[in-house]
Amino acid sequence: MPRVSMKQSKIDAAKKSAPNVPGYTCPSIDYAQEIIDQIANRGDKWAVKQADVIREVLEYVRESNDELRSSSRYWYDKYKDAA
């Protein structure tokens, strides 16, 4: 039976107690934007304005999710180096 290093043991223990990381959310955001486009294309000027605001919010969420994934990866790599 191969012996596990102390570093690997710490990493494995941390992984077991870590919260789940959300999956890739861009397809859900894209789907929501398609629905918004359908509503906005009905010709109501107010709906078009609201759709523009919602699209901006969804793009903010998309960018924030990407930053969160990058940050998570950064700190995971730093933890592995330090463990």
PDB file of N, CA and C in Angstrom:
ATOM      1  N   MET A   1       0.845  -1.181   0.000  1.00  0.00           N
ATOM      2  CA  MET A   1       0.000   0.000   0.000  1.00  0.00           C
ATOM      3  C   MET A   1       0.891   1.246   0.000  1.00  0.00           C
ATOM      4  N   PRO A   2       0.710   2.145  -0.983  1.00  0.00           N
ATOM      5  CA  PRO A   2       1.564   3.334  -1.037  1.00  0.00           C
ATOM      6  C   PRO A   2       1.288   4.272   0.134  1.00  0.00           C
ATOM      7  N   ARG A   3       2.332   4.907   0.573  1.00  0.00           N
ATOM      8  CA  ARG A   3       2.228   5.824   1.692  1.00  0.00           C
ATOM      9  C   ARG A   3       1.882   7.225   1.176  1.00  0.00           C
ATOM     10  N   VAL A   4       0.941   7.884   1.832  1.00  0.00           N
ATOM     11  CA  VAL A   4       0.512   9.221   1.442  1.00  0.00           C
ATOM     12  C   VAL A   4       1.306  10.237   2.255  1.00  0.00           C
ATOM     13  N   SER A   5       1.819  11.250   1.572  1.00  0.00           N
ATOM     14  CA  SER A   5       2.604  12.279   2.260  1.00  0.00           C
ATOM     15  C   SER A   5       1.712  13.111   3.178  1.00  0.00           C
ATOM     16  N   MET A   6       2.339  13.746   4.151  1.00  0.00           N
ATOM     17  CA  MET A   6       1.606  14.607   5.091  1.00  0.00           C
ATOM     18  C   MET A   6       0.927  15.747   4.330  1.00  0.00           C
ATOM     19  N   LYS A   7       1.615  16.285   3.333  1.00  0.00           N
ATOM     20  CA  LYS A   7       1.043  17.365   2.514  1.00  0.00           C
ATOM     21  C   LYS A   7      -0.217  16.880   1.812  1.00  0.00           C
ATOM     22  N   GLN A   8      -0.140  15.707   1.194  1.00  0.00           N
ATOM     23  CA  GLN A   8      -1.301  15.172   0.486  1.00  0.00           C
ATOM     24  C   GLN A   8      -2.436  14.862   1.458  1.00  0.00           C
ATOM     25  N   SER A   9      -2.116  14.410   2.649  1.00  0.00           N
ATOM     26  CA  SER A   9      -3.144  14.138   3.665  1.00  0.00           C
ATOM     27  C   SER A   9      -3.888  15.415   4.037  1.00  0.00           C
ATOM     28  N   LYS A  10      -3.142  16.519   4.198  1.00  0.00           N
ATOM     29  CA  LYS A  10      -3.763  17.811   4.524  1.00  0.00           C
ATOM     30  C   LYS A  10      -4.668  18.277   3.383  1.00  0.00           C
ATOM     31  N   ILE A  11      -4.190  18.122   2.167  1.00  0.00           N
ATOM     32  CA  ILE A  11      -4.979  18.535   1.003  1.00  0.00           C
ATOM     33  C   ILE A  11      -6.248  17.695   0.907  1.00  0.00           C
ATOM     34  N   ASP A  12      -6.119  16.384   1.079  1.00  0.00           N
ATOM     35  CA  ASP A  12      -7.287  15.498   1.009  1.00  0.00           C
ATOM     36  C   ASP A  12      -8.308  15.832   2.085  1.00  0.00           C
ATOM     37  N   ALA A  13      -7.839  16.125   3.303  1.00  0.00           N
ATOM     38  CA  ALA A  13      -8.748  16.482   4.397  1.00  0.00           C
ATOM     39  C   ALA A  13      -9.461  17.791   4.106  1.00  0.00           C
ATOM     40  N   ALA A  14      -8.732  18.747   3.554  1.00  0.00           N
ATOM     41  CA  ALA A  14      -9.345  20.037   3.223  1.00  0.00           C
ATOM     42  C   ALA A  14     -10.388  19.869   2.126  1.00  0.00           C
ATOM     43  N   LYS A  15     -10.110  19.021   1.138  1.00  0.00           N
ATOM     44  CA  LYS A  15     -11.065  18.786   0.054  1.00  0.00           C
ATOM     45  C   LYS A  15     -12.357  18.174   0.580  1.00  0.00           C
ATOM     46  N   LYS A  16     -12.234  17.243   1.536  1.00  0.00           N
ATOM     47  CA  LYS A  16     -13.425  16.584   2.080  1.00  0.00           C
ATOM     48  C   LYS A  16     -14.345  17.570   2.804  1.00  0.00           C
ATOM     49  N   SER A  17     -13.765  18.567   3.454  1.00  0.00           N
ATOM     50  CA  SER A  17     -14.584  19.510   4.223  1.00  0.00           C
ATOM     51  C   SER A  17     -14.932  20.780   3.444  1.00  0.00           C
ATOM     52  N   ALA A  18     -14.454  20.878   2.216  1.00  0.00           N
ATOM     53  CA  ALA A  18     -14.698  22.085   1.414  1.00  0.00           C
ATOM     54  C   ALA A  18     -16.129  22.109   0.880  1.00  0.00           C
ATOM     55  N   PRO A  19     -16.702  23.311   0.773  1.00  0.00           N
ATOM     56  CA  PRO A  19     -18.042  23.407   0.162  1.00  0.00           C
ATOM     57  C   PRO A  19     -17.959  23.130  -1.334  1.00  0.00           C
ATOM     58  N   ASN A  20     -19.079  22.787  -1.919  1.00  0.00           N
ATOM     59  CA  ASN A  20     -19.127  22.542  -3.361  1.00  0.00           C
ATOM     60  C   ASN A  20     -18.924  23.837  -4.125  1.00  0.00           C
ATOM     61  N   VAL A  21     -18.272  23.728  -5.251  1.00  0.00           N
ATOM     62  CA  VAL A  21     -18.092  24.865  -6.146  1.00  0.00           C
ATOM     63  C   VAL A  21     -19.181  24.768  -7.207  1.00  0.00           C
ATOM     64  N   PRO A  22     -19.914  25.858  -7.448  1.00  0.00           N
ATOM     65  CA  PRO A  22     -20.955  25.795  -8.471  1.00  0.00           C
ATOM     66  C   PRO A  22     -20.380  25.430  -9.832  1.00  0.00           C
ATOM     67  N   GLY A  23     -21.190  24.781 -10.628  1.00  0.00           N
ATOM     68  CA  GLY A  23     -20.775  24.421 -11.972  1.00  0.00           C
ATOM     69  C   GLY A  23     -20.739  25.629 -12.885  1.00  0.00           C
ATOM     70  N   TYR A  24     -20.464  25.379 -14.131  1.00  0.00           N
ATOM     71  CA  TYR A  24     -20.383  26.417 -15.148  1.00  0.00           C
ATOM     72  C   TYR A  24     -21.790  26.971 -15.392  1.00  0.00           C
ATOM     73  N   THR A  25     -21.998  28.244 -15.112  1.00  0.00           N
ATOM     74  CA  THR A  25     -23.335  28.841 -15.148  1.00  0.00           C
ATOM     75  C   THR A  25     -23.654  29.594 -16.436  1.00  0.00           C
ATOM     76  N   CYS A  26     -22.693  29.744 -17.318  1.00  0.00           N
ATOM     77  CA  CYS A  26     -22.925  30.526 -18.532  1.00  0.00           C
ATOM     78  C   CYS A  26     -24.097  30.011 -19.378  1.00  0.00           C
ATOM     79  N   PRO A  27     -24.283  28.702 -19.544  1.00  0.00           N
ATOM     80  CA  PRO A  27     -25.445  28.249 -20.319  1.00  0.00           C
ATOM     81  C   PRO A  27     -26.776  28.699 -19.702  1.00  0.00           C
ATOM     82  N   SER A  28     -26.873  28.726 -18.403  1.00  0.00           N
ATOM     83  CA  SER A  28     -28.102  29.194 -17.745  1.00  0.00           C
ATOM     84  C   SER A  28     -28.305  30.687 -17.971  1.00  0.00           C
ATOM     85  N   ILE A  29     -27.220  31.436 -17.915  1.00  0.00           N
ATOM     86  CA  ILE A  29     -27.300  32.874 -18.171  1.00  0.00           C
ATOM     87  C   ILE A  29     -27.705  33.115 -19.624  1.00  0.00           C
ATOM     88  N   ASP A  30     -27.115  32.362 -20.539  1.00  0.00           N
ATOM     89  CA  ASP A  30     -27.474  32.494 -21.961  1.00  0.00           C
ATOM     90  C   ASP A  30     -28.952  32.187 -22.178  1.00  0.00           C
ATOM     91  N   TYR A  31     -29.456  31.155 -21.531  1.00  0.00           N
ATOM     92  CA  TYR A  31     -30.869  30.775 -21.660  1.00  0.00           C
ATOM     93  C   TYR A  31     -31.775  31.895 -21.144  1.00  0.00           C
ATOM     94  N   ALA A  32     -31.420  32.454 -19.990  1.00  0.00           N
ATOM     95  CA  ALA A  32     -32.209  33.563 -19.442  1.00  0.00           C
ATOM     96  C   ALA A  32     -32.206  34.745 -20.405  1.00  0.00           C
ATOM     97  N   GLN A  33     -31.077  35.008 -21.031  1.00  0.00           N
ATOM     98  CA  GLN A  33     -31.002  36.110 -21.988  1.00  0.00           C
ATOM     99  C   GLN A  33     -31.852  35.841 -23.231  1.00  0.00           C
ATOM    100  N   GLU A  34     -31.941  34.595 -23.651  1.00  0.00           N
ATOM    101  CA  GLU A  34     -32.816  34.266 -24.783  1.00  0.00           C
ATOM    102  C   GLU A  34     -34.269  34.557 -24.454  1.00  0.00           C
ATOM    103  N   ILE A  35     -34.676  34.220 -23.255  1.00  0.00           N
ATOM    104  CA  ILE A  35     -36.049  34.503 -22.824  1.00  0.00           C
ATOM    105  C   ILE A  35     -36.281  36.009 -22.770  1.00  0.00           C
ATOM    106  N   ILE A  36     -35.306  36.734 -22.248  1.00  0.00           N
ATOM    107  CA  ILE A  36     -35.413  38.198 -22.186  1.00  0.00           C
ATOM    108  C   ILE A  36     -35.555  38.776 -23.589  1.00  0.00           C
ATOM    109  N   ASP A  37     -34.785  38.259 -24.533  1.00  0.00           N
ATOM    110  CA  ASP A  37     -34.868  38.731 -25.919  1.00  0.00           C
ATOM    111  C   ASP A  37     -36.264  38.488 -26.489  1.00  0.00           C
ATOM    112  N   GLN A  38     -36.840  37.344 -26.203  1.00  0.00           N
ATOM    113  CA  GLN A  38     -38.186  37.037 -26.689  1.00  0.00           C
ATOM    114  C   GLN A  38     -39.206  38.024 -26.129  1.00  0.00           C
ATOM    115  N   ILE A  39     -39.075  38.355 -24.869  1.00  0.00           N
ATOM    116  CA  ILE A  39     -39.993  39.312 -24.240  1.00  0.00           C
ATOM    117  C   ILE A  39     -39.788  40.702 -24.833  1.00  0.00           C
ATOM    118  N   ALA A  40     -38.526  41.104 -24.974  1.00  0.00           N
ATOM    119  CA  ALA A  40     -38.219  42.443 -25.492  1.00  0.00           C
ATOM    120  C   ALA A  40     -38.654  42.594 -26.947  1.00  0.00           C
ATOM    121  N   ASN A  41     -38.628  41.526 -27.708  1.00  0.00           N
ATOM    122  CA  ASN A  41     -38.986  41.581 -29.126  1.00  0.00           C
ATOM    123  C   ASN A  41     -40.493  41.674 -29.367  1.00  0.00           C
ATOM    124  N   ARG A  42     -41.265  41.723 -28.318  1.00  0.00           N
ATOM    125  CA  ARG A  42     -42.714  41.875 -28.473  1.00  0.00           C
ATOM    126  C   ARG A  42     -43.097  43.296 -28.876  1.00  0.00           C
ATOM    127  N   GLY A  43     -42.135  44.208 -28.804  1.00  0.00           N
ATOM    128  CA  GLY A  43     -42.391  45.558 -29.284  1.00  0.00           C
ATOM    129  C   GLY A  43     -42.701  46.587 -28.214  1.00  0.00           C
ATOM    130  N   ASP A  44     -42.790  46.184 -26.985  1.00  0.00           N
ATOM    131  CA  ASP A  44     -43.073  47.106 -25.887  1.00  0.00           C
ATOM    132  C   ASP A  44     -41.780  47.842 -25.508  1.00  0.00           C
ATOM    133  N   LYS A  45     -41.765  49.180 -25.632  1.00  0.00           N
ATOM    134  CA  LYS A  45     -40.549  49.953 -25.354  1.00  0.00           C
ATOM    135  C   LYS A  45     -40.083  49.781 -23.910  1.00  0.00           C
ATOM    136  N   TRP A  46     -41.028  49.688 -22.986  1.00  0.00           N
ATOM    137  CA  TRP A  46     -40.660  49.512 -21.573  1.00  0.00           C
ATOM    138  C   TRP A  46     -39.988  48.149 -21.377  1.00  0.00           C
ATOM    139  N   ALA A  47     -40.487  47.118 -22.051  1.00  0.00           N
ATOM    140  CA  ALA A  47     -39.884  45.789 -21.953  1.00  0.00           C
ATOM    141  C   ALA A  47     -38.465  45.796 -22.504  1.00  0.00           C
ATOM    142  N   VAL A  48     -38.237  46.545 -23.566  1.00  0.00           N
ATOM    143  CA  VAL A  48     -36.897  46.642 -24.143  1.00  0.00           C
ATOM    144  C   VAL A  48     -35.937  47.281 -23.135  1.00  0.00           C
ATOM    145  N   LYS A  49     -36.376  48.351 -22.485  1.00  0.00           N
ATOM    146  CA  LYS A  49     -35.527  49.015 -21.485  1.00  0.00           C
ATOM    147  C   LYS A  49     -35.227  48.079 -20.318  1.00  0.00           C
ATOM    148  N   GLN A  50     -36.246  47.376 -19.851  1.00  0.00           N
ATOM    149  CA  GLN A  50     -36.041  46.434 -18.753  1.00  0.00           C
ATOM    150  C   GLN A  50     -35.107  45.306 -19.178  1.00  0.00           C
ATOM    151  N   ALA A  51     -35.262  44.824 -20.385  1.00  0.00           N
ATOM    152  CA  ALA A  51     -34.412  43.746 -20.890  1.00  0.00           C
ATOM    153  C   ALA A  51     -32.949  44.187 -20.921  1.00  0.00           C
ATOM    154  N   ASP A  52     -32.700  45.414 -21.319  1.00  0.00           N
ATOM    155  CA  ASP A  52     -31.326  45.921 -21.355  1.00  0.00           C
ATOM    156  C   ASP A  52     -30.706  45.916 -19.958  1.00  0.00           C
ATOM    157  N   VAL A  53     -31.478  46.333 -18.974  1.00  0.00           N
ATOM    158  CA  VAL A  53     -30.981  46.350 -17.586  1.00  0.00           C
ATOM    159  C   VAL A  53     -30.698  44.928 -17.116  1.00  0.00           C
ATOM    160  N   ILE A  54     -31.620  44.024 -17.403  1.00  0.00           N
ATOM    161  CA  ILE A  54     -31.444  42.639 -16.975  1.00  0.00           C
ATOM    162  C   ILE A  54     -30.228  42.011 -17.653  1.00  0.00           C
ATOM    163  N   ARG A  55     -30.027  42.287 -18.930  1.00  0.00           N
ATOM    164  CA  ARG A  55     -28.852  41.764 -19.634  1.00  0.00           C
ATOM    165  C   ARG A  55     -27.559  42.236 -18.973  1.00  0.00           C
ATOM    166  N   GLU A  56     -27.531  43.523 -18.605  1.00  0.00           N
ATOM    167  CA  GLU A  56     -26.349  44.063 -17.930  1.00  0.00           C
ATOM    168  C   GLU A  56     -26.100  43.353 -16.602  1.00  0.00           C
ATOM    169  N   VAL A  57     -27.161  43.098 -15.856  1.00  0.00           N
ATOM    170  CA  VAL A  57     -27.020  42.402 -14.577  1.00  0.00           C
ATOM    171  C   VAL A  57     -26.509  40.979 -14.798  1.00  0.00           C
ATOM    172  N   LEU A  58     -27.061  40.291 -15.792  1.00  0.00           N
ATOM    173  CA  LEU A  58     -26.622  38.927 -16.064  1.00  0.00           C
ATOM    174  C   LEU A  58     -25.160  38.879 -16.512  1.00  0.00           C
ATOM    175  N   GLU A  59     -24.730  39.864 -17.269  1.00  0.00           N
ATOM    176  CA  GLU A  59     -23.323  39.907 -17.670  1.00  0.00           C
ATOM    177  C   GLU A  59     -22.424  40.148 -16.457  1.00  0.00           C
ATOM    178  N   TYR A  60     -22.899  40.972 -15.528  1.00  0.00           N
ATOM    179  CA  TYR A  60     -22.156  41.185 -14.277  1.00  0.00           C
ATOM    180  C   TYR A  60     -22.033  39.860 -13.514  1.00  0.00           C
ATOM    181  N   VAL A  61     -23.127  39.108 -13.446  1.00  0.00           N
ATOM    182  CA  VAL A  61     -23.106  37.807 -12.769  1.00  0.00           C
ATOM    183  C   VAL A  61     -22.128  36.865 -13.472  1.00  0.00           C
ATOM    184  N   ARG A  62     -22.145  36.847 -14.796  1.00  0.00           N
ATOM    185  CA  ARG A  62     -21.233  35.989 -15.561  1.00  0.00           C
ATOM    186  C   ARG A  62     -19.774  36.336 -15.236  1.00  0.00           C
ATOM    187  N   GLU A  63     -19.442  37.620 -15.268  1.00  0.00           N
ATOM    188  CA  GLU A  63     -18.073  38.057 -14.984  1.00  0.00           C
ATOM    189  C   GLU A  63     -17.686  37.748 -13.538  1.00  0.00           C
ATOM    190  N   SER A  64     -18.623  37.941 -12.616  1.00  0.00           N
ATOM    191  CA  SER A  64     -18.347  37.646 -11.206  1.00  0.00           C
ATOM    192  C   SER A  64     -18.093  36.157 -10.998  1.00  0.00           C
ATOM    193  N   ASN A  65     -18.864  35.317 -11.670  1.00  0.00           N
ATOM    194  CA  ASN A  65     -18.655  33.873 -11.572  1.00  0.00           C
ATOM    195  C   ASN A  65     -17.276  33.482 -12.094  1.00  0.00           C
ATOM    196  N   ASP A  66     -16.866  34.084 -13.196  1.00  0.00           N
ATOM    197  CA  ASP A  66     -15.534  33.801 -13.740  1.00  0.00           C
ATOM    198  C   ASP A  66     -14.441  34.238 -12.763  1.00  0.00           C
ATOM    199  N   GLU A  67     -14.622  35.409 -12.162  1.00  0.00           N
ATOM    200  CA  GLU A  67     -13.647  35.885 -11.185  1.00  0.00           C
ATOM    201  C   GLU A  67     -13.606  34.974  -9.967  1.00  0.00           C
ATOM    202  N   LEU A  68     -14.764  34.502  -9.543  1.00  0.00           N
ATOM    203  CA  LEU A  68     -14.824  33.597  -8.402  1.00  0.00           C
ATOM    204  C   LEU A  68     -14.086  32.292  -8.703  1.00  0.00           C
ATOM    205  N   ARG A  69     -14.283  31.744  -9.887  1.00  0.00           N
ATOM    206  CA  ARG A  69     -13.578  30.529 -10.274  1.00  0.00           C
ATOM    207  C   ARG A  69     -12.060  30.759 -10.303  1.00  0.00           C
ATOM    208  N   SER A  70     -11.646  31.885 -10.858  1.00  0.00           N
ATOM    209  CA  SER A  70     -10.213  32.202 -10.919  1.00  0.00           C
ATOM    210  C   SER A  70      -9.629  32.368  -9.521  1.00  0.00           C
ATOM    211  N   SER A  71     -10.362  33.050  -8.672  1.00  0.00           N
ATOM    212  CA  SER A  71      -9.909  33.253  -7.293  1.00  0.00           C
ATOM    213  C   SER A  71      -9.816  31.924  -6.550  1.00  0.00           C
ATOM    214  N   SER A  72     -10.822  31.095  -6.747  1.00  0.00           N
ATOM    215  CA  SER A  72     -10.821  29.783  -6.104  1.00  0.00           C
ATOM    216  C   SER A  72      -9.613  28.968  -6.551  1.00  0.00           C
ATOM    217  N   ARG A  73      -9.339  28.980  -7.841  1.00  0.00           N
ATOM    218  CA  ARG A  73      -8.201  28.235  -8.376  1.00  0.00           C
ATOM    219  C   ARG A  73      -6.894  28.779  -7.828  1.00  0.00           C
ATOM    220  N   TYR A  74      -6.780  30.106  -7.757  1.00  0.00           N
ATOM    221  CA  TYR A  74      -5.580  30.749  -7.234  1.00  0.00           C
ATOM    222  C   TYR A  74      -5.312  30.288  -5.795  1.00  0.00           C
ATOM    223  N   TRP A  75      -6.338  30.383  -4.945  1.00  0.00           N
ATOM    224  CA  TRP A  75      -6.152  30.036  -3.543  1.00  0.00           C
ATOM    225  C   TRP A  75      -5.949  28.545  -3.337  1.00  0.00           C
ATOM    226  N   TYR A  76      -6.578  27.731  -4.173  1.00  0.00           N
ATOM    227  CA  TYR A  76      -6.341  26.286  -4.092  1.00  0.00           C
ATOM    228  C   TYR A  76      -4.875  25.982  -4.411  1.00  0.00           C
ATOM    229  N   ASP A  77      -4.356  26.604  -5.454  1.00  0.00           N
ATOM    230  CA  ASP A  77      -2.943  26.382  -5.809  1.00  0.00           C
ATOM    231  C   ASP A  77      -2.013  26.881  -4.712  1.00  0.00           C
ATOM    232  N   LYS A  78      -2.322  28.044  -4.117  1.00  0.00           N
ATOM    233  CA  LYS A  78      -1.497  28.572  -3.023  1.00  0.00           C
ATOM    234  C   LYS A  78      -1.550  27.634  -1.828  1.00  0.00           C
ATOM    235  N   TYR A  79      -2.725  27.079  -1.538  1.00  0.00           N
ATOM    236  CA  TYR A  79      -2.858  26.150  -0.419  1.00  0.00           C
ATOM    237  C   TYR A  79      -2.014  24.899  -0.674  1.00  0.00           C
ATOM    238  N   LYS A  80      -2.082  24.384  -1.894  1.00  0.00           N
ATOM    239  CA  LYS A  80      -1.299  23.188  -2.215  1.00  0.00           C
ATOM    240  C   LYS A  80       0.198  23.454  -2.016  1.00  0.00           C
ATOM    241  N   ASP A  81       0.638  24.650  -2.405  1.00  0.00           N
ATOM    242  CA  ASP A  81       2.053  24.987  -2.240  1.00  0.00           C
ATOM    243  C   ASP A  81       2.442  25.072  -0.762  1.00  0.00           C
ATOM    244  N   ALA A  82       1.527  25.578   0.060  1.00  0.00           N
ATOM    245  CA  ALA A  82       1.841  25.797   1.467  1.00  0.00           C
ATOM    246  C   ALA A  82       1.606  24.574   2.338  1.00  0.00           C
ATOM    247  N   ALA A  83       0.736  23.681   1.912  1.00  0.00           N
ATOM    248  CA  ALA A  83       0.365  22.535   2.770  1.00  0.00           C
ATOM    249  C   ALA A  83       1.510  21.587   3.010  1.00  0.00           C
TER     250      ALA A  83
END
